[in-house]
Amino acid sequence: MELLHEAQNPPYSRGLFYITIRIKFCEMRISNRFFYRELSEPIFTFMVRGDMVFCDSAMAKFSLKRIDEGWLKYSE
């Protein structure tokens, strides 16, 4: 996620769509491609419920840093 955020201009400016991160997981090595495809949703569920990432109100975008006041952790 750090690499994807840094690719934004400016970094951390808009958050990342879940689908963008899932595609990145699927582009990894061929031996891991199918493995990550099935695990990406449980990984994000764990990250969100564990308050490891900030989410927008629709829980469609994720960010490692709070972008504005509308971005909250799951417990908030």
N, C-alpha and C. Protein backbone atom coordinates (compact mmCIF):
# COMPACT_ATOMS: atom_id res chain seq x y z
N MET A 1 0.82 -1.20 0.00
CA MET A 1 0.00 0.00 0.00
C MET A 1 0.86 1.25 0.00
N GLU A 2 1.99 1.20 0.68
CA GLU A 2 2.89 2.36 0.70
C GLU A 2 3.31 2.73 -0.72
N LEU A 3 3.70 1.75 -1.52
CA LEU A 3 4.16 2.02 -2.89
C LEU A 3 3.04 2.62 -3.73
N LEU A 4 1.82 2.13 -3.58
CA LEU A 4 0.70 2.68 -4.33
C LEU A 4 0.39 4.11 -3.89
N HIS A 5 0.46 4.36 -2.59
CA HIS A 5 0.21 5.72 -2.10
C HIS A 5 1.28 6.69 -2.61
N GLU A 6 2.53 6.26 -2.62
CA GLU A 6 3.61 7.14 -3.08
C GLU A 6 3.50 7.43 -4.57
N ALA A 7 2.85 6.54 -5.32
CA ALA A 7 2.68 6.75 -6.76
C ALA A 7 1.63 7.83 -7.05
N GLN A 8 0.80 8.17 -6.05
CA GLN A 8 -0.19 9.23 -6.24
C GLN A 8 0.50 10.58 -6.26
N ASN A 9 -0.14 11.55 -6.88
CA ASN A 9 0.46 12.87 -7.00
C ASN A 9 -0.49 13.90 -6.41
N PRO A 10 -0.22 14.50 -5.27
CA PRO A 10 0.85 14.24 -4.31
C PRO A 10 0.58 12.95 -3.55
N PRO A 11 1.60 12.36 -2.94
CA PRO A 11 1.42 11.11 -2.21
C PRO A 11 0.34 11.23 -1.14
N TYR A 12 -0.42 10.17 -0.96
CA TYR A 12 -1.48 10.07 0.04
C TYR A 12 -2.61 11.08 -0.19
N SER A 13 -2.80 11.51 -1.42
CA SER A 13 -3.76 12.58 -1.66
C SER A 13 -5.20 12.12 -1.77
N ARG A 14 -5.44 10.94 -2.31
CA ARG A 14 -6.83 10.55 -2.57
C ARG A 14 -7.23 9.23 -1.92
N GLY A 15 -6.31 8.51 -1.31
CA GLY A 15 -6.63 7.18 -0.83
C GLY A 15 -6.61 6.21 -2.00
N LEU A 16 -6.82 4.96 -1.74
CA LEU A 16 -6.79 3.94 -2.77
C LEU A 16 -8.11 3.21 -2.80
N PHE A 17 -8.62 2.94 -4.02
CA PHE A 17 -9.79 2.10 -4.14
C PHE A 17 -9.41 0.67 -3.82
N TYR A 18 -10.32 -0.07 -3.21
CA TYR A 18 -10.08 -1.47 -2.89
C TYR A 18 -9.67 -2.24 -4.15
N ILE A 19 -10.33 -1.97 -5.26
CA ILE A 19 -10.05 -2.71 -6.50
C ILE A 19 -8.62 -2.47 -6.98
N THR A 20 -8.09 -1.26 -6.78
CA THR A 20 -6.71 -0.96 -7.17
C THR A 20 -5.73 -1.83 -6.40
N ILE A 21 -5.98 -1.99 -5.12
CA ILE A 21 -5.09 -2.78 -4.29
C ILE A 21 -5.23 -4.26 -4.64
N ARG A 22 -6.46 -4.72 -4.91
CA ARG A 22 -6.68 -6.12 -5.28
C ARG A 22 -5.96 -6.45 -6.58
N ILE A 23 -6.02 -5.55 -7.55
CA ILE A 23 -5.32 -5.77 -8.83
C ILE A 23 -3.82 -5.86 -8.59
N LYS A 24 -3.29 -5.02 -7.70
CA LYS A 24 -1.86 -5.07 -7.40
C LYS A 24 -1.48 -6.41 -6.80
N PHE A 25 -2.30 -6.93 -5.90
CA PHE A 25 -2.05 -8.26 -5.34
C PHE A 25 -2.04 -9.31 -6.46
N CYS A 26 -2.98 -9.21 -7.39
CA CYS A 26 -3.11 -10.21 -8.44
C CYS A 26 -1.96 -10.13 -9.45
N GLU A 27 -1.28 -8.99 -9.54
CA GLU A 27 -0.17 -8.83 -10.47
C GLU A 27 1.14 -9.40 -9.94
N MET A 28 1.13 -9.86 -8.69
CA MET A 28 2.35 -10.42 -8.12
C MET A 28 2.72 -11.71 -8.86
N ARG A 29 3.81 -12.33 -8.46
CA ARG A 29 4.31 -13.50 -9.15
C ARG A 29 3.20 -14.50 -9.46
N ILE A 30 3.34 -15.23 -10.55
CA ILE A 30 2.32 -16.17 -11.00
C ILE A 30 2.02 -17.21 -9.93
N SER A 31 3.02 -17.68 -9.22
CA SER A 31 2.79 -18.70 -8.19
C SER A 31 1.90 -18.18 -7.06
N ASN A 32 1.89 -16.88 -6.84
CA ASN A 32 1.09 -16.29 -5.76
C ASN A 32 -0.21 -15.67 -6.25
N ARG A 33 -0.37 -15.53 -7.54
CA ARG A 33 -1.51 -14.79 -8.09
C ARG A 33 -2.85 -15.31 -7.59
N PHE A 34 -3.08 -16.62 -7.70
CA PHE A 34 -4.36 -17.19 -7.32
C PHE A 34 -4.53 -17.19 -5.80
N PHE A 35 -3.43 -17.36 -5.10
CA PHE A 35 -3.44 -17.34 -3.64
C PHE A 35 -3.89 -15.97 -3.13
N TYR A 36 -3.32 -14.91 -3.65
CA TYR A 36 -3.68 -13.55 -3.20
C TYR A 36 -5.07 -13.15 -3.64
N ARG A 37 -5.50 -13.64 -4.79
CA ARG A 37 -6.83 -13.28 -5.26
C ARG A 37 -7.89 -13.73 -4.27
N GLU A 38 -7.73 -14.90 -3.69
CA GLU A 38 -8.70 -15.43 -2.73
C GLU A 38 -8.52 -14.83 -1.34
N LEU A 39 -7.34 -14.30 -1.03
CA LEU A 39 -7.09 -13.78 0.31
C LEU A 39 -7.22 -12.28 0.44
N SER A 40 -7.35 -11.56 -0.66
CA SER A 40 -7.34 -10.11 -0.56
C SER A 40 -8.52 -9.57 0.26
N GLU A 41 -9.72 -10.13 0.10
CA GLU A 41 -10.85 -9.65 0.89
C GLU A 41 -10.68 -9.93 2.37
N PRO A 42 -10.30 -11.17 2.78
CA PRO A 42 -10.08 -11.38 4.22
C PRO A 42 -8.96 -10.51 4.79
N ILE A 43 -7.93 -10.23 3.99
CA ILE A 43 -6.84 -9.38 4.47
C ILE A 43 -7.36 -7.97 4.75
N PHE A 44 -8.17 -7.42 3.83
CA PHE A 44 -8.69 -6.08 4.04
C PHE A 44 -9.71 -6.04 5.16
N THR A 45 -10.49 -7.09 5.31
CA THR A 45 -11.42 -7.15 6.43
C THR A 45 -10.66 -7.12 7.75
N PHE A 46 -9.59 -7.89 7.83
CA PHE A 46 -8.75 -7.91 9.03
C PHE A 46 -8.12 -6.54 9.29
N MET A 47 -7.61 -5.90 8.24
CA MET A 47 -6.95 -4.60 8.40
C MET A 47 -7.94 -3.53 8.85
N VAL A 48 -9.14 -3.54 8.25
CA VAL A 48 -10.14 -2.53 8.61
C VAL A 48 -10.62 -2.73 10.04
N ARG A 49 -10.98 -3.94 10.38
CA ARG A 49 -11.50 -4.20 11.73
C ARG A 49 -10.42 -4.08 12.79
N GLY A 50 -9.17 -4.22 12.41
CA GLY A 50 -8.07 -4.06 13.35
C GLY A 50 -7.58 -2.63 13.45
N ASP A 51 -8.29 -1.69 12.83
CA ASP A 51 -7.94 -0.26 12.86
C ASP A 51 -6.53 0.00 12.33
N MET A 52 -6.14 -0.71 11.29
CA MET A 52 -4.81 -0.52 10.69
C MET A 52 -4.83 0.48 9.54
N VAL A 53 -6.01 0.77 9.00
CA VAL A 53 -6.13 1.71 7.88
C VAL A 53 -7.29 2.65 8.13
N PHE A 54 -7.28 3.79 7.44
CA PHE A 54 -8.39 4.74 7.46
C PHE A 54 -9.28 4.44 6.26
N CYS A 55 -10.60 4.61 6.41
CA CYS A 55 -11.56 4.36 5.34
C CYS A 55 -12.42 5.59 5.12
N ASP A 56 -12.91 5.74 3.89
CA ASP A 56 -13.88 6.80 3.65
C ASP A 56 -15.24 6.31 4.15
N SER A 57 -16.26 7.14 4.04
CA SER A 57 -17.56 6.79 4.61
C SER A 57 -18.21 5.59 3.94
N ALA A 58 -17.90 5.33 2.67
CA ALA A 58 -18.46 4.19 1.95
C ALA A 58 -17.62 2.92 2.12
N MET A 59 -16.49 3.04 2.80
CA MET A 59 -15.54 1.94 2.97
C MET A 59 -15.10 1.37 1.62
N ALA A 60 -14.93 2.26 0.65
CA ALA A 60 -14.47 1.85 -0.67
C ALA A 60 -13.03 2.26 -0.91
N LYS A 61 -12.58 3.31 -0.20
CA LYS A 61 -11.21 3.78 -0.33
C LYS A 61 -10.49 3.60 1.00
N PHE A 62 -9.19 3.31 0.90
CA PHE A 62 -8.38 3.08 2.09
C PHE A 62 -7.14 3.94 2.04
N SER A 63 -6.65 4.33 3.19
CA SER A 63 -5.44 5.13 3.26
C SER A 63 -4.70 4.78 4.55
N LEU A 64 -3.39 4.88 4.50
CA LEU A 64 -2.59 4.64 5.70
C LEU A 64 -2.53 5.88 6.57
N LYS A 65 -2.86 7.03 5.99
CA LYS A 65 -2.87 8.29 6.73
C LYS A 65 -4.25 8.93 6.60
N ARG A 66 -4.65 9.70 7.62
CA ARG A 66 -5.93 10.40 7.57
C ARG A 66 -5.84 11.52 6.54
N ILE A 67 -6.71 11.48 5.55
CA ILE A 67 -6.67 12.47 4.48
C ILE A 67 -7.44 13.73 4.90
N ASP A 68 -8.61 13.56 5.48
CA ASP A 68 -9.36 14.68 6.04
C ASP A 68 -10.25 14.14 7.15
N GLU A 69 -11.15 14.96 7.66
CA GLU A 69 -11.97 14.55 8.81
C GLU A 69 -12.99 13.46 8.47
N GLY A 70 -13.26 13.24 7.18
CA GLY A 70 -14.21 12.21 6.77
C GLY A 70 -13.62 10.80 6.77
N TRP A 71 -12.31 10.71 6.90
CA TRP A 71 -11.64 9.42 6.88
C TRP A 71 -11.46 8.94 8.32
N LEU A 72 -12.06 7.80 8.63
CA LEU A 72 -12.04 7.29 9.99
C LEU A 72 -11.56 5.84 10.03
N LYS A 73 -11.12 5.43 11.20
CA LYS A 73 -10.83 4.02 11.42
C LYS A 73 -12.14 3.31 11.78
N TYR A 74 -12.14 2.00 11.69
CA TYR A 74 -13.37 1.22 11.90
C TYR A 74 -14.00 1.49 13.26
N SER A 75 -13.20 1.56 14.30
CA SER A 75 -13.74 1.76 15.65
C SER A 75 -14.31 3.16 15.85
N GLU A 76 -13.91 4.11 15.03
CA GLU A 76 -14.41 5.48 15.16
C GLU A 76 -15.77 5.62 14.50
